[in-house]
Amino acid sequence: MTERTHRPGRSATPASSSGDLLTVEQAADYLNITEHFVRRLIRERRIPFLKVGRLIRLRRSDIEAYLAGCMIPAVRR
């Protein structure tokens, strides 16, 4: 079965404020990259993450800070 069931108390959509926690899947969707690459960023400690038991969560604000660090400024000519 590939269909997900809705669990009471959980939102079906990702959270929207900067303090929200995202799953690896939600972070991958937010960044428009694969889950594998998000897990690689985590494994290489290139992006901060939280472990809640066995679960990995990422703060949206940490993801945005990571993106800001990836910014390559334009060159003015």
C-alpha atoms as a PDB file:
ATOM      1  CA  MET A   1       0.000   0.000   0.000  1.00  0.00           C
ATOM      2  CA  THR A   2       1.354   3.394  -0.928  1.00  0.00           C
ATOM      3  CA  GLU A   3      -1.599   5.392   0.289  1.00  0.00           C
ATOM      4  CA  ARG A   4      -1.161   7.227   3.575  1.00  0.00           C
ATOM      5  CA  THR A   5      -3.802   7.268   6.222  1.00  0.00           C
ATOM      6  CA  HIS A   6      -4.643  10.409   8.137  1.00  0.00           C
ATOM      7  CA  ARG A   7      -3.720  10.256  11.807  1.00  0.00           C
ATOM      8  CA  PRO A   8      -5.741  12.330  14.255  1.00  0.00           C
ATOM      9  CA  GLY A   9      -3.893  15.343  15.601  1.00  0.00           C
ATOM     10  CA  ARG A  10      -1.519  15.614  12.652  1.00  0.00           C
ATOM     11  CA  SER A  11      -1.756  18.095   9.843  1.00  0.00           C
ATOM     12  CA  ALA A  12      -1.765  16.762   6.289  1.00  0.00           C
ATOM     13  CA  THR A  13       0.078  19.876   5.082  1.00  0.00           C
ATOM     14  CA  PRO A  14       3.499  21.142   6.147  1.00  0.00           C
ATOM     15  CA  ALA A  15       3.590  23.815   8.800  1.00  0.00           C
ATOM     16  CA  SER A  16       4.068  27.395   7.711  1.00  0.00           C
ATOM     17  CA  SER A  17       5.862  29.520  10.330  1.00  0.00           C
ATOM     18  CA  SER A  18       9.640  29.797  10.732  1.00  0.00           C
ATOM     19  CA  GLY A  19       9.709  27.822  14.003  1.00  0.00           C
ATOM     20  CA  ASP A  20       7.983  24.754  12.576  1.00  0.00           C
ATOM     21  CA  LEU A  21       9.559  21.330  12.461  1.00  0.00           C
ATOM     22  CA  LEU A  22       9.644  19.486   9.159  1.00  0.00           C
ATOM     23  CA  THR A  23      10.201  15.836   8.360  1.00  0.00           C
ATOM     24  CA  VAL A  24      12.936  14.877   5.906  1.00  0.00           C
ATOM     25  CA  GLU A  25      10.240  14.408   3.266  1.00  0.00           C
ATOM     26  CA  GLN A  26       8.726  17.854   3.928  1.00  0.00           C
ATOM     27  CA  ALA A  27      12.177  19.478   3.896  1.00  0.00           C
ATOM     28  CA  ALA A  28      12.938  17.818   0.553  1.00  0.00           C
ATOM     29  CA  ASP A  29       9.645  19.099  -0.866  1.00  0.00           C
ATOM     30  CA  TYR A  30      10.332  22.596   0.508  1.00  0.00           C
ATOM     31  CA  LEU A  31      13.805  22.658  -1.083  1.00  0.00           C
ATOM     32  CA  ASN A  32      12.654  20.853  -4.243  1.00  0.00           C
ATOM     33  CA  ILE A  33      15.407  18.233  -3.824  1.00  0.00           C
ATOM     34  CA  THR A  34      15.394  14.508  -3.082  1.00  0.00           C
ATOM     35  CA  GLU A  35      15.057  13.025   0.394  1.00  0.00           C
ATOM     36  CA  HIS A  36      18.369  11.278  -0.257  1.00  0.00           C
ATOM     37  CA  PHE A  37      20.131  14.637  -0.630  1.00  0.00           C
ATOM     38  CA  VAL A  38      18.515  15.983   2.574  1.00  0.00           C
ATOM     39  CA  ARG A  39      19.740  12.887   4.416  1.00  0.00           C
ATOM     40  CA  ARG A  40      23.204  13.468   2.959  1.00  0.00           C
ATOM     41  CA  LEU A  41      23.195  17.061   4.249  1.00  0.00           C
ATOM     42  CA  ILE A  42      22.223  15.702   7.671  1.00  0.00           C
ATOM     43  CA  ARG A  43      24.827  12.914   7.612  1.00  0.00           C
ATOM     44  CA  GLU A  44      27.575  15.393   6.648  1.00  0.00           C
ATOM     45  CA  ARG A  45      26.333  17.814   9.355  1.00  0.00           C
ATOM     46  CA  ARG A  46      25.896  20.555   6.756  1.00  0.00           C
ATOM     47  CA  ILE A  47      22.420  21.407   8.037  1.00  0.00           C
ATOM     48  CA  PRO A  48      21.241  21.461  11.684  1.00  0.00           C
ATOM     49  CA  PHE A  49      18.654  18.887  12.702  1.00  0.00           C
ATOM     50  CA  LEU A  50      16.851  17.557  15.750  1.00  0.00           C
ATOM     51  CA  LYS A  51      16.442  13.950  16.807  1.00  0.00           C
ATOM     52  CA  VAL A  52      13.205  13.166  18.585  1.00  0.00           C
ATOM     53  CA  GLY A  53      13.748   9.569  19.554  1.00  0.00           C
ATOM     54  CA  ARG A  54      14.561   7.921  16.240  1.00  0.00           C
ATOM     55  CA  LEU A  55      12.853  10.639  14.217  1.00  0.00           C
ATOM     56  CA  ILE A  56      14.729  13.415  12.436  1.00  0.00           C
ATOM     57  CA  ARG A  57      13.190  16.873  12.248  1.00  0.00           C
ATOM     58  CA  LEU A  58      14.460  20.076  10.687  1.00  0.00           C
ATOM     59  CA  ARG A  59      13.500  23.616  11.631  1.00  0.00           C
ATOM     60  CA  ARG A  60      12.270  25.702   8.727  1.00  0.00           C
ATOM     61  CA  SER A  61      14.402  28.603  10.029  1.00  0.00           C
ATOM     62  CA  ASP A  62      17.542  26.375   9.906  1.00  0.00           C
ATOM     63  CA  ILE A  63      16.727  25.385   6.337  1.00  0.00           C
ATOM     64  CA  GLU A  64      16.330  29.037   5.356  1.00  0.00           C
ATOM     65  CA  ALA A  65      19.652  29.880   7.077  1.00  0.00           C
ATOM     66  CA  TYR A  66      21.305  27.046   5.147  1.00  0.00           C
ATOM     67  CA  LEU A  67      19.901  28.451   1.902  1.00  0.00           C
ATOM     68  CA  ALA A  68      21.183  31.922   2.771  1.00  0.00           C
ATOM     69  CA  GLY A  69      24.649  30.423   3.229  1.00  0.00           C
ATOM     70  CA  CYS A  70      24.423  28.834  -0.217  1.00  0.00           C
ATOM     71  CA  MET A  71      23.696  32.169  -1.882  1.00  0.00           C
ATOM     72  CA  ILE A  72      26.218  33.192  -4.518  1.00  0.00           C
ATOM     73  CA  PRO A  73      26.080  36.934  -5.096  1.00  0.00           C
ATOM     74  CA  ALA A  74      25.718  38.356  -8.584  1.00  0.00           C
ATOM     75  CA  VAL A  75      28.737  40.044 -10.121  1.00  0.00           C
ATOM     76  CA  ARG A  76      28.185  43.602 -11.272  1.00  0.00           C
ATOM     77  CA  ARG A  77      29.957  44.557 -14.486  1.00  0.00           C
END
